[in-house]
Amino acid sequence: MELGRIINHKIIIEPTDNKGFCVRVGCGKFVFNNINDLQQGLKEYLSNPEEIEKDYNKIQTTECETASESKVLVPPFPSPSQGLAR
């Protein structure tokens, strides 16, 4: 796989007790249900980190502006079945 530009964030992968993974990318934390989803999500992110981060930040800004106090914000990244870029 060819990587896009050098990423500016540390990526930390932590396995969970239920065979899933918690992944920290910079200050964001994302959850994967299994190794296949993790691999797909990382592949998509590493192939175009600038675009993925741009889309993530755009969605987060919009959700923050419209969220009520009782709403929990869940990052859209990753969802391999829907694709990371939205």
Protein backbone atom coordinates (compact mmCIF):
# COMPACT_ATOMS: atom_id res chain seq x y z
CA MET A 1 0.00 0.00 0.00
CA GLU A 2 1.25 3.47 -0.81
CA LEU A 3 0.75 5.93 2.01
CA GLY A 4 -0.44 9.46 1.48
CA ARG A 5 1.37 12.34 3.10
CA ILE A 6 3.09 11.70 6.40
CA ILE A 7 0.46 11.77 9.14
CA ASN A 8 0.73 14.37 11.89
CA HIS A 9 -0.88 12.29 14.63
CA LYS A 10 0.21 9.33 16.69
CA ILE A 11 -1.99 6.26 16.19
CA ILE A 12 -2.47 4.05 19.25
CA ILE A 13 -4.33 0.75 18.93
CA GLU A 14 -5.66 -0.89 22.09
CA PRO A 15 -7.35 -4.34 21.96
CA THR A 16 -10.54 -4.77 24.00
CA ASP A 17 -11.87 -7.79 25.91
CA ASN A 18 -14.54 -8.48 23.27
CA LYS A 19 -12.08 -8.81 20.34
CA GLY A 20 -12.64 -5.21 19.28
CA PHE A 21 -10.22 -2.31 19.23
CA CYS A 22 -10.07 1.25 20.54
CA VAL A 23 -7.95 3.45 18.31
CA ARG A 24 -6.68 6.89 19.21
CA VAL A 25 -5.65 9.18 16.37
CA GLY A 26 -4.43 12.44 17.81
CA CYS A 27 -7.18 13.55 20.20
CA GLY A 28 -9.90 11.42 18.54
CA LYS A 29 -10.90 7.99 19.80
CA PHE A 30 -12.62 5.43 17.58
CA VAL A 31 -13.96 1.93 18.10
CA PHE A 32 -13.74 -1.05 15.76
CA ASN A 33 -15.76 -4.24 16.27
CA ASN A 34 -13.17 -6.60 14.76
CA ILE A 35 -9.78 -6.86 13.10
CA ASN A 36 -11.20 -6.62 9.56
CA ASP A 37 -12.93 -3.31 10.31
CA LEU A 38 -9.73 -2.04 11.95
CA GLN A 39 -7.64 -2.95 8.92
CA GLN A 40 -10.11 -1.34 6.51
CA GLY A 41 -10.38 1.83 8.58
CA LEU A 42 -6.62 2.22 8.88
CA LYS A 43 -6.14 1.54 5.18
CA GLU A 44 -8.65 4.25 4.26
CA TYR A 45 -7.19 6.74 6.75
CA LEU A 46 -3.55 6.14 5.81
CA SER A 47 -4.26 6.36 2.08
CA ASN A 48 -5.68 9.89 2.42
CA PRO A 49 -5.37 11.26 5.98
CA GLU A 50 -5.85 14.90 4.98
CA GLU A 51 -9.24 14.28 3.36
CA ILE A 52 -10.45 11.96 6.15
CA GLU A 53 -9.48 14.54 8.81
CA LYS A 54 -11.15 17.33 6.83
CA ASP A 55 -14.41 15.36 6.59
CA TYR A 56 -14.25 14.33 10.26
CA ASN A 57 -13.68 17.92 11.43
CA LYS A 58 -16.52 19.19 9.23
CA ILE A 59 -18.96 16.62 10.67
CA GLN A 60 -17.82 17.27 14.25
CA THR A 61 -18.29 21.03 13.84
CA THR A 62 -21.79 20.59 12.43
CA GLU A 63 -22.82 18.15 15.17
CA CYS A 64 -21.43 20.39 17.91
CA GLU A 65 -23.43 23.33 16.61
CA THR A 66 -26.71 21.36 16.60
CA ALA A 67 -26.22 19.11 19.65
CA SER A 68 -28.37 19.50 22.73
CA GLU A 69 -27.00 18.84 26.21
CA SER A 70 -28.56 15.36 26.30
CA LYS A 71 -27.14 14.26 22.94
CA VAL A 72 -24.01 12.12 22.92
CA LEU A 73 -21.74 12.82 19.97
CA VAL A 74 -20.31 9.71 18.34
CA PRO A 75 -17.54 10.24 15.79
CA PRO A 76 -18.41 8.94 12.32
CA PHE A 77 -14.98 7.39 11.90
CA PRO A 78 -14.76 4.54 11.10
CA SER A 79 -17.53 2.72 9.40
CA PRO A 80 -16.05 0.53 6.67
CA SER A 81 -19.45 -0.51 5.39
CA GLN A 82 -20.32 3.14 4.77
CA GLY A 83 -16.78 4.27 3.94
CA LEU A 84 -14.78 6.73 5.99
CA ALA A 85 -15.11 9.74 3.75
CA ARG A 86 -18.55 11.31 3.88
